[in-house]
C-alpha atoms as a PDB file:
ATOM      1  CA  MET A   1      -0.015   0.048  -0.001  1.00  0.00           C
ATOM      2  CA  ASN A   2       1.167   3.553  -0.758  1.00  0.00           C
ATOM      3  CA  TYR A   3       0.911   6.355   1.450  1.00  0.00           C
ATOM      4  CA  LEU A   4      -0.570   9.717   0.811  1.00  0.00           C
ATOM      5  CA  LEU A   5       1.737  12.521  -0.104  1.00  0.00           C
ATOM      6  CA  VAL A   6       0.087  15.904   0.721  1.00  0.00           C
ATOM      7  CA  PHE A   7       0.318  18.525  -2.014  1.00  0.00           C
ATOM      8  CA  LEU A   8       1.904  21.091   0.112  1.00  0.00           C
ATOM      9  CA  ALA A   9       2.206  24.268  -1.335  1.00  0.00           C
ATOM     10  CA  ILE A  10       5.217  24.779  -3.545  1.00  0.00           C
ATOM     11  CA  SER A  11       7.849  27.115  -2.024  1.00  0.00           C
ATOM     12  CA  PHE A  12       9.194  29.890  -3.967  1.00  0.00           C
ATOM     13  CA  PRO A  13      12.846  29.391  -5.267  1.00  0.00           C
ATOM     14  CA  PHE A  14      15.082  30.797  -2.567  1.00  0.00           C
ATOM     15  CA  PHE A  15      12.753  29.734   0.222  1.00  0.00           C
ATOM     16  CA  SER A  16      12.824  26.320   1.896  1.00  0.00           C
ATOM     17  CA  LEU A  17      10.050  23.802   1.622  1.00  0.00           C
ATOM     18  CA  ALA A  18       8.685  23.220   5.053  1.00  0.00           C
ATOM     19  CA  GLY A  19       6.054  20.792   6.605  1.00  0.00           C
ATOM     20  CA  GLY A  20       5.165  17.323   5.281  1.00  0.00           C
ATOM     21  CA  THR A  21       4.026  13.946   6.286  1.00  0.00           C
ATOM     22  CA  ASN A  22       5.986  10.998   7.333  1.00  0.00           C
ATOM     23  CA  ASN A  23       6.915  10.467   3.661  1.00  0.00           C
ATOM     24  CA  THR A  24       9.873  11.958   1.959  1.00  0.00           C
ATOM     25  CA  PHE A  25       9.045  15.073  -0.078  1.00  0.00           C
ATOM     26  CA  ARG A  26       9.424  14.889  -3.845  1.00  0.00           C
ATOM     27  CA  PRO A  27      11.260  17.843  -5.433  1.00  0.00           C
ATOM     28  CA  PRO A  28       8.992  21.022  -5.621  1.00  0.00           C
ATOM     29  CA  PRO A  29       6.419  20.510  -8.354  1.00  0.00           C
ATOM     30  CA  ARG A  30       2.649  21.310 -12.358  1.00  0.00           C
ATOM     31  CA  ILE A  31      -0.032  19.301 -14.015  1.00  0.00           C
ATOM     32  CA  ILE A  32       1.563  16.155 -15.512  1.00  0.00           C
ATOM     33  CA  GLY A  33       0.981  15.348 -19.208  1.00  0.00           C
ATOM     34  CA  GLY A  34      -1.420  18.302 -19.879  1.00  0.00           C
ATOM     35  CA  SER A  35      -1.847  21.084 -22.376  1.00  0.00           C
ATOM     36  CA  THR A  36      -1.492  24.681 -22.173  1.00  0.00           C
ATOM     37  CA  ALA A  37      -4.741  26.575 -21.439  1.00  0.00           C
ATOM     38  CA  ARG A  38      -5.856  29.392 -23.630  1.00  0.00           C
ATOM     39  CA  ALA A  39      -6.763  32.792 -22.308  1.00  0.00           C
ATOM     40  CA  GLY A  40     -10.066  32.829 -20.459  1.00  0.00           C
ATOM     41  CA  GLN A  41     -10.521  29.054 -20.686  1.00  0.00           C
ATOM     42  CA  PHE A  42     -10.512  28.631 -16.903  1.00  0.00           C
ATOM     43  CA  PRO A  43     -11.752  32.182 -15.725  1.00  0.00           C
ATOM     44  CA  TRP A  44     -12.279  30.922 -12.077  1.00  0.00           C
ATOM     45  CA  GLN A  45      -8.699  29.714 -11.671  1.00  0.00           C
ATOM     46  CA  ALA A  46      -6.794  31.538  -8.916  1.00  0.00           C
ATOM     47  CA  ALA A  47      -3.060  31.745  -8.117  1.00  0.00           C
ATOM     48  CA  ILE A  48      -2.665  32.084  -4.465  1.00  0.00           C
ATOM     49  CA  TYR A  49       0.593  33.374  -2.875  1.00  0.00           C
ATOM     50  CA  LEU A  50       0.807  32.880   0.885  1.00  0.00           C
ATOM     51  CA  ASP A  51       3.012  33.644   3.787  1.00  0.00           C
ATOM     52  CA  ASN A  52       3.128  31.712   6.987  1.00  0.00           C
ATOM     53  CA  ILE A  53       5.557  31.292   9.783  1.00  0.00           C
ATOM     54  CA  SER A  54       7.712  28.779   7.651  1.00  0.00           C
ATOM     55  CA  GLY A  55       8.255  30.875   4.556  1.00  0.00           C
ATOM     56  CA  LYS A  56       6.411  31.877   1.219  1.00  0.00           C
ATOM     57  CA  TYR A  57       4.371  29.304  -0.699  1.00  0.00           C
ATOM     58  CA  PHE A  58       2.119  28.927  -3.640  1.00  0.00           C
ATOM     59  CA  CYS A  59      -1.344  27.126  -4.159  1.00  0.00           C
ATOM     60  CA  GLY A  60      -4.164  27.032  -6.635  1.00  0.00           C
ATOM     61  CA  GLY A  61      -7.748  27.871  -5.939  1.00  0.00           C
ATOM     62  CA  ALA A  62     -11.174  28.744  -7.477  1.00  0.00           C
ATOM     63  CA  LEU A  63     -13.267  31.728  -7.393  1.00  0.00           C
ATOM     64  CA  ILE A  64     -16.855  30.618  -6.188  1.00  0.00           C
ATOM     65  CA  THR A  65     -18.383  34.034  -5.532  1.00  0.00           C
ATOM     66  CA  ASN A  66     -17.289  37.549  -6.280  1.00  0.00           C
ATOM     67  CA  GLN A  67     -15.452  37.665  -2.779  1.00  0.00           C
ATOM     68  CA  TRP A  68     -14.429  34.058  -1.961  1.00  0.00           C
ATOM     69  CA  ILE A  69     -11.859  31.565  -3.136  1.00  0.00           C
ATOM     70  CA  LEU A  70     -12.125  27.814  -2.408  1.00  0.00           C
ATOM     71  CA  THR A  71      -8.888  25.971  -2.066  1.00  0.00           C
ATOM     72  CA  ALA A  72      -7.250  23.288   0.169  1.00  0.00           C
ATOM     73  CA  ALA A  73      -7.164  23.577   3.949  1.00  0.00           C
ATOM     74  CA  HIS A  74      -3.518  22.720   3.948  1.00  0.00           C
ATOM     75  CA  CYS A  75      -2.962  25.763   1.715  1.00  0.00           C
ATOM     76  CA  VAL A  76      -4.373  28.191   4.218  1.00  0.00           C
ATOM     77  CA  PHE A  77      -3.683  26.432   7.515  1.00  0.00           C
ATOM     78  CA  GLY A  78      -1.463  28.686   9.658  1.00  0.00           C
ATOM     79  CA  GLY A  79      -1.381  31.419   6.894  1.00  0.00           C
ATOM     80  CA  LYS A  80      -0.721  35.057   7.732  1.00  0.00           C
ATOM     81  CA  LEU A  81      -1.102  36.826   4.452  1.00  0.00           C
ATOM     82  CA  PHE A  82      -2.506  35.850   1.025  1.00  0.00           C
ATOM     83  CA  THR A  83      -2.132  37.542  -2.402  1.00  0.00           C
ATOM     84  CA  ILE A  84      -4.469  36.260  -4.975  1.00  0.00           C
ATOM     85  CA  HIS A  85      -4.160  36.594  -8.781  1.00  0.00           C
ATOM     86  CA  LEU A  86      -7.100  36.349 -11.092  1.00  0.00           C
ATOM     87  CA  GLY A  87      -7.700  36.717 -14.804  1.00  0.00           C
ATOM     88  CA  SER A  88      -4.371  35.460 -16.122  1.00  0.00           C
ATOM     89  CA  ASN A  89      -3.220  32.097 -17.422  1.00  0.00           C
ATOM     90  CA  THR A  90       0.435  33.004 -16.663  1.00  0.00           C
ATOM     91  CA  LEU A  91       2.393  33.597 -13.448  1.00  0.00           C
ATOM     92  CA  PHE A  92       5.537  35.425 -14.641  1.00  0.00           C
ATOM     93  CA  SER A  93       4.480  37.101 -17.938  1.00  0.00           C
ATOM     94  CA  GLN A  94       2.823  40.523 -18.168  1.00  0.00           C
ATOM     95  CA  ASP A  95      -0.932  40.246 -18.666  1.00  0.00           C
ATOM     96  CA  GLU A  96      -3.381  43.062 -18.807  1.00  0.00           C
ATOM     97  CA  ASN A  97      -6.236  40.760 -17.698  1.00  0.00           C
ATOM     98  CA  ARG A  98      -4.572  40.009 -14.385  1.00  0.00           C
ATOM     99  CA  ILE A  99      -6.011  41.420 -11.183  1.00  0.00           C
ATOM    100  CA  ILE A 100      -4.282  41.218  -7.909  1.00  0.00           C
ATOM    101  CA  LEU A 101      -5.997  41.172  -4.669  1.00  0.00           C
ATOM    102  CA  SER A 102      -5.292  40.737  -0.944  1.00  0.00           C
ATOM    103  CA  SER A 103      -7.258  38.693   1.686  1.00  0.00           C
ATOM    104  CA  SER A 104      -9.360  39.895   4.531  1.00  0.00           C
ATOM    105  CA  LYS A 105      -9.624  36.442   6.345  1.00  0.00           C
ATOM    106  CA  TYR A 106      -9.373  32.711   5.712  1.00  0.00           C
ATOM    107  CA  VAL A 107     -11.491  29.782   7.031  1.00  0.00           C
ATOM    108  CA  VAL A 108     -10.412  26.357   7.585  1.00  0.00           C
ATOM    109  CA  HIS A 109     -12.964  23.347   7.905  1.00  0.00           C
ATOM    110  CA  PRO A 110     -13.335  22.902  11.656  1.00  0.00           C
ATOM    111  CA  GLU A 111     -12.663  19.123  11.264  1.00  0.00           C
ATOM    112  CA  TYR A 112      -9.672  19.268   9.022  1.00  0.00           C
ATOM    113  CA  ASP A 113      -6.975  16.735   9.869  1.00  0.00           C
ATOM    114  CA  GLN A 114      -3.429  17.499   8.983  1.00  0.00           C
ATOM    115  CA  ASN A 115      -2.400  13.806   9.344  1.00  0.00           C
ATOM    116  CA  THR A 116      -5.099  12.157   7.285  1.00  0.00           C
ATOM    117  CA  LEU A 117      -6.072  14.996   4.866  1.00  0.00           C
ATOM    118  CA  GLU A 118      -9.719  14.539   5.893  1.00  0.00           C
ATOM    119  CA  ASN A 119     -11.812  17.603   5.335  1.00  0.00           C
ATOM    120  CA  ASP A 120      -9.054  19.345   3.504  1.00  0.00           C
ATOM    121  CA  VAL A 121     -11.127  22.235   2.606  1.00  0.00           C
ATOM    122  CA  GLY A 122     -10.169  26.013   2.997  1.00  0.00           C
ATOM    123  CA  LEU A 123     -11.703  29.372   1.992  1.00  0.00           C
ATOM    124  CA  ILE A 124     -10.138  32.778   1.489  1.00  0.00           C
ATOM    125  CA  GLN A 125     -12.230  35.920   1.498  1.00  0.00           C
ATOM    126  CA  LEU A 126     -10.982  38.781  -0.746  1.00  0.00           C
ATOM    127  CA  HIS A 127     -10.593  42.209   0.678  1.00  0.00           C
ATOM    128  CA  MET A 128     -13.153  43.374  -1.895  1.00  0.00           C
ATOM    129  CA  PRO A 129     -15.547  41.962  -4.407  1.00  0.00           C
ATOM    130  CA  VAL A 130     -14.334  41.322  -8.061  1.00  0.00           C
ATOM    131  CA  THR A 131     -16.095  42.453 -11.133  1.00  0.00           C
ATOM    132  CA  PHE A 132     -16.832  39.605 -13.461  1.00  0.00           C
ATOM    133  CA  THR A 133     -15.193  39.842 -16.965  1.00  0.00           C
ATOM    134  CA  GLU A 134     -14.443  37.506 -19.795  1.00  0.00           C
ATOM    135  CA  TYR A 135     -11.283  36.412 -17.925  1.00  0.00           C
ATOM    136  CA  VAL A 136     -12.708  36.503 -14.375  1.00  0.00           C
ATOM    137  CA  GLN A 137     -15.764  34.428 -13.559  1.00  0.00           C
ATOM    138  CA  LYS A 138     -17.011  32.300 -10.681  1.00  0.00           C
ATOM    139  CA  ILE A 139     -17.670  28.548 -10.850  1.00  0.00           C
ATOM    140  CA  ASN A 140     -20.580  26.793  -9.144  1.00  0.00           C
ATOM    141  CA  ILE A 141     -20.010  24.055  -6.622  1.00  0.00           C
ATOM    142  CA  ALA A 142     -21.336  20.550  -7.106  1.00  0.00           C
ATOM    143  CA  ASN A 143     -24.454  19.221  -5.291  1.00  0.00           C
ATOM    144  CA  MET A 144     -24.655  15.613  -3.942  1.00  0.00           C
ATOM    145  CA  GLY A 145     -25.126  13.134  -6.828  1.00  0.00           C
ATOM    146  CA  GLN A 146     -23.225  15.145  -9.451  1.00  0.00           C
ATOM    147  CA  ILE A 147     -20.037  13.119  -9.319  1.00  0.00           C
ATOM    148  CA  HIS A 148     -19.931   9.580 -10.643  1.00  0.00           C
ATOM    149  CA  ASP A 149     -17.405   6.897 -11.407  1.00  0.00           C
ATOM    150  CA  GLY A 150     -16.217   7.043 -14.883  1.00  0.00           C
ATOM    151  CA  VAL A 151     -17.105  10.736 -15.605  1.00  0.00           C
ATOM    152  CA  VAL A 152     -14.377  12.719 -17.487  1.00  0.00           C
ATOM    153  CA  VAL A 153     -13.125  15.703 -15.481  1.00  0.00           C
ATOM    154  CA  THR A 154     -10.504  18.409 -15.998  1.00  0.00           C
ATOM    155  CA  ALA A 155      -7.743  19.401 -13.722  1.00  0.00           C
ATOM    156  CA  ALA A 156      -5.745  22.550 -14.192  1.00  0.00           C
ATOM    157  CA  GLY A 157      -2.844  24.193 -12.288  1.00  0.00           C
ATOM    158  CA  TRP A 158       0.586  25.758 -12.417  1.00  0.00           C
ATOM    159  CA  GLY A 159       2.418  23.098 -10.581  1.00  0.00           C
ATOM    160  CA  GLN A 160       5.371  20.934 -11.659  1.00  0.00           C
ATOM    161  CA  THR A 161       5.166  19.125 -15.026  1.00  0.00           C
ATOM    162  CA  SER A 162       7.548  16.237 -14.201  1.00  0.00           C
ATOM    163  CA  ASP A 163       9.233  14.606 -11.272  1.00  0.00           C
ATOM    164  CA  SER A 164      12.621  15.950 -12.564  1.00  0.00           C
ATOM    165  CA  SER A 165      11.553  19.615 -12.997  1.00  0.00           C
ATOM    166  CA  SER A 166      11.226  22.126 -10.240  1.00  0.00           C
ATOM    167  CA  GLY A 167       9.389  25.334  -9.672  1.00  0.00           C
ATOM    168  CA  MET A 168       6.095  26.604 -10.947  1.00  0.00           C
ATOM    169  CA  SER A 169       4.915  26.489 -14.669  1.00  0.00           C
ATOM    170  CA  ASN A 170       4.641  30.040 -16.020  1.00  0.00           C
ATOM    171  CA  ASN A 171       1.565  28.725 -18.096  1.00  0.00           C
ATOM    172  CA  LEU A 172      -1.646  27.218 -16.794  1.00  0.00           C
ATOM    173  CA  ILE A 173      -1.527  23.587 -17.844  1.00  0.00           C
ATOM    174  CA  TYR A 174      -4.697  21.193 -17.768  1.00  0.00           C
ATOM    175  CA  ALA A 175      -5.399  17.590 -18.307  1.00  0.00           C
ATOM    176  CA  GLU A 176      -8.442  15.417 -18.693  1.00  0.00           C
ATOM    177  CA  LEU A 177      -8.882  12.553 -16.042  1.00  0.00           C
ATOM    178  CA  SER A 178     -11.447  10.057 -15.243  1.00  0.00           C
ATOM    179  CA  ILE A 179     -13.119   9.455 -11.906  1.00  0.00           C
ATOM    180  CA  ILE A 180     -12.639   6.096 -10.383  1.00  0.00           C
ATOM    181  CA  SER A 181     -14.482   4.428  -7.419  1.00  0.00           C
ATOM    182  CA  ASN A 182     -13.084   4.815  -3.942  1.00  0.00           C
ATOM    183  CA  THR A 183     -12.904   1.025  -3.855  1.00  0.00           C
ATOM    184  CA  GLU A 184     -10.635   1.029  -6.763  1.00  0.00           C
ATOM    185  CA  CYS A 185      -8.551   3.902  -5.276  1.00  0.00           C
ATOM    186  CA  GLN A 186      -8.096   2.007  -2.095  1.00  0.00           C
ATOM    187  CA  ILE A 187      -6.235  -0.654  -4.043  1.00  0.00           C
ATOM    188  CA  THR A 188      -3.515   2.037  -3.984  1.00  0.00           C
ATOM    189  CA  TYR A 189      -3.983   3.928  -0.745  1.00  0.00           C
ATOM    190  CA  GLY A 190      -5.846   1.555   1.407  1.00  0.00           C
ATOM    191  CA  SER A 191      -7.982   2.844   4.320  1.00  0.00           C
ATOM    192  CA  GLN A 192      -6.616   6.412   3.856  1.00  0.00           C
ATOM    193  CA  ILE A 193      -9.266   6.991   1.281  1.00  0.00           C
ATOM    194  CA  LYS A 194     -12.447   8.444   3.010  1.00  0.00           C
ATOM    195  CA  SER A 195     -15.877   9.136   1.791  1.00  0.00           C
ATOM    196  CA  GLY A 196     -15.204  12.763   1.366  1.00  0.00           C
ATOM    197  CA  MET A 197     -12.330  12.130  -1.118  1.00  0.00           C
ATOM    198  CA  VAL A 198     -12.427  11.200  -4.706  1.00  0.00           C
ATOM    199  CA  CYS A 199      -9.598   9.876  -6.941  1.00  0.00           C
ATOM    200  CA  ALA A 200      -9.071  10.302 -10.785  1.00  0.00           C
ATOM    201  CA  VAL A 201      -6.619   8.853 -13.254  1.00  0.00           C
ATOM    202  CA  GLY A 202      -5.418   9.895 -16.681  1.00  0.00           C
ATOM    203  CA  ASN A 203      -4.013   8.358 -19.814  1.00  0.00           C
ATOM    204  CA  TYR A 204      -0.655   6.877 -18.753  1.00  0.00           C
ATOM    205  CA  ASN A 205       0.765   9.254 -16.306  1.00  0.00           C
ATOM    206  CA  GLU A 206      -1.516  12.446 -16.557  1.00  0.00           C
ATOM    207  CA  GLY A 207      -2.350  13.912 -13.222  1.00  0.00           C
ATOM    208  CA  ILE A 208      -1.681  16.563 -10.638  1.00  0.00           C
ATOM    209  CA  CYS A 209       1.553  17.354  -8.902  1.00  0.00           C
ATOM    210  CA  ILE A 210       2.877  19.644  -6.021  1.00  0.00           C
ATOM    211  CA  GLY A 211       1.925  23.084  -6.803  1.00  0.00           C
ATOM    212  CA  ASP A 212      -1.425  22.238  -8.086  1.00  0.00           C
ATOM    213  CA  THR A 213      -2.558  22.060  -4.486  1.00  0.00           C
ATOM    214  CA  GLY A 214      -5.972  23.458  -3.902  1.00  0.00           C
ATOM    215  CA  SER A 215      -6.759  23.869  -7.680  1.00  0.00           C
ATOM    216  CA  PRO A 216     -10.245  22.784  -8.842  1.00  0.00           C
ATOM    217  CA  LEU A 217     -11.378  19.575 -10.587  1.00  0.00           C
ATOM    218  CA  VAL A 218     -14.105  20.565 -13.035  1.00  0.00           C
ATOM    219  CA  LYS A 219     -16.764  18.778 -15.109  1.00  0.00           C
ATOM    220  CA  PRO A 220     -19.782  20.124 -17.058  1.00  0.00           C
ATOM    221  CA  ASP A 221     -23.192  19.905 -15.664  1.00  0.00           C
ATOM    222  CA  VAL A 222     -26.209  18.648 -17.738  1.00  0.00           C
ATOM    223  CA  LYS A 223     -26.529  22.158 -19.369  1.00  0.00           C
ATOM    224  CA  GLY A 224     -22.694  22.095 -20.106  1.00  0.00           C
ATOM    225  CA  SER A 225     -21.821  24.828 -17.482  1.00  0.00           C
ATOM    226  CA  PRO A 226     -18.628  24.249 -15.624  1.00  0.00           C
ATOM    227  CA  LEU A 227     -19.034  22.645 -12.053  1.00  0.00           C
ATOM    228  CA  HIS A 228     -16.438  22.520  -9.242  1.00  0.00           C
ATOM    229  CA  VAL A 229     -16.342  18.775  -8.250  1.00  0.00           C
ATOM    230  CA  GLY A 230     -12.928  18.474  -6.393  1.00  0.00           C
ATOM    231  CA  ILE A 231     -10.058  20.203  -4.722  1.00  0.00           C
ATOM    232  CA  ALA A 232      -6.543  18.986  -5.486  1.00  0.00           C
ATOM    233  CA  SER A 233      -5.301  17.518  -2.176  1.00  0.00           C
ATOM    234  CA  PHE A 234      -2.671  14.585  -2.574  1.00  0.00           C
ATOM    235  CA  MET A 235      -0.720  12.260  -4.676  1.00  0.00           C
ATOM    236  CA  SER A 236       1.288   9.107  -4.302  1.00  0.00           C
ATOM    237  CA  GLN A 237       4.624   8.932  -2.768  1.00  0.00           C
ATOM    238  CA  ASN A 238       5.699   7.149  -5.970  1.00  0.00           C
ATOM    239  CA  GLY A 239       5.972  10.473  -7.689  1.00  0.00           C
ATOM    240  CA  CYS A 240       3.828  12.616 -10.115  1.00  0.00           C
ATOM    241  CA  GLU A 241       4.666  10.595 -13.191  1.00  0.00           C
ATOM    242  CA  SER A 242       3.543   7.232 -11.656  1.00  0.00           C
ATOM    243  CA  THR A 243       0.204   5.815 -12.811  1.00  0.00           C
ATOM    244  CA  ASP A 244      -1.167   5.924  -9.244  1.00  0.00           C
ATOM    245  CA  PRO A 245      -4.438   7.956  -8.921  1.00  0.00           C
ATOM    246  CA  SER A 246      -4.536  11.675  -8.119  1.00  0.00           C
ATOM    247  CA  GLY A 247      -6.398  12.535  -4.928  1.00  0.00           C
ATOM    248  CA  PHE A 248      -9.154  15.216  -4.508  1.00  0.00           C
ATOM    249  CA  ILE A 249     -11.438  16.337  -1.952  1.00  0.00           C
ATOM    250  CA  ARG A 250     -15.247  16.049  -3.061  1.00  0.00           C
ATOM    251  CA  THR A 251     -16.911  19.547  -3.050  1.00  0.00           C
ATOM    252  CA  ASP A 252     -20.403  18.057  -3.106  1.00  0.00           C
ATOM    253  CA  VAL A 253     -19.864  16.561   0.432  1.00  0.00           C
ATOM    254  CA  TYR A 254     -18.813  20.114   1.778  1.00  0.00           C
ATOM    255  CA  HIS A 255     -21.372  22.156  -0.342  1.00  0.00           C
ATOM    256  CA  LYS A 256     -23.518  22.977   2.636  1.00  0.00           C
ATOM    257  CA  TRP A 257     -20.607  24.129   4.844  1.00  0.00           C
ATOM    258  CA  ILE A 258     -19.136  26.194   1.976  1.00  0.00           C
ATOM    259  CA  SER A 259     -22.381  27.742   1.250  1.00  0.00           C
ATOM    260  CA  ASN A 260     -23.047  28.637   4.911  1.00  0.00           C
ATOM    261  CA  VAL A 261     -19.529  30.380   5.175  1.00  0.00           C
ATOM    262  CA  THR A 262     -19.606  32.209   1.632  1.00  0.00           C
ATOM    263  CA  ASN A 263     -23.440  32.288   0.613  1.00  0.00           C
ATOM    264  CA  ALA A 264     -22.219  30.593  -2.571  1.00  0.00           C
ATOM    265  CA  PRO A 265     -25.267  28.901  -4.398  1.00  0.00           C
END
């Protein structure tokens, strides 16, 4: 049985990577085996820069109202200051569509467990509401019953693109994955897979990697509109390029709590 490897936020180059599980950390990682996103393709995608007592880190997230970002709890836990970039598919290139905001507060799910990654759900409130544009849009959260085994989903992020590379990707990368049952995922991860988690696999080695933490897993609803179904949370200790499933937190399970905090529909 493999053990989960937390997708801890990727540290900036010149800062040390802190935190972790009992497993050895892989080199700082991006989406594996994916394609470059076009401008406005994922207008809810958020780049989150955070400061905590251990240093400076990077995570992904999703805009779910005009003032709230949904991400992983381990991305915000112990945080002090968050800077959020919206509207751009790049991190380092100049982009007139990019808007930069600060946070007013963050919220961690009250039952979040750092050791098991159960309830790995976090929220960041922006210091002011954003105006929606072609490049900045919110995404709706899945309700119970909207996630099924075998469904094709899309993961996107700025994390590492291979086990041998390091640092963040300048371009937003996405990959199509397929949802598998928790029973199938437990073949790899055993009893560590809980009901609030969901796993997905790609063709050969497509999947998420460190630095994609907190980013959304998306599928179309019955009308074809994008739906947030999962939060990137963990990977196998065998590495990003292994064929092991990528792990996410189901957003349908936490819809009520998220809505109570943010008033998201």
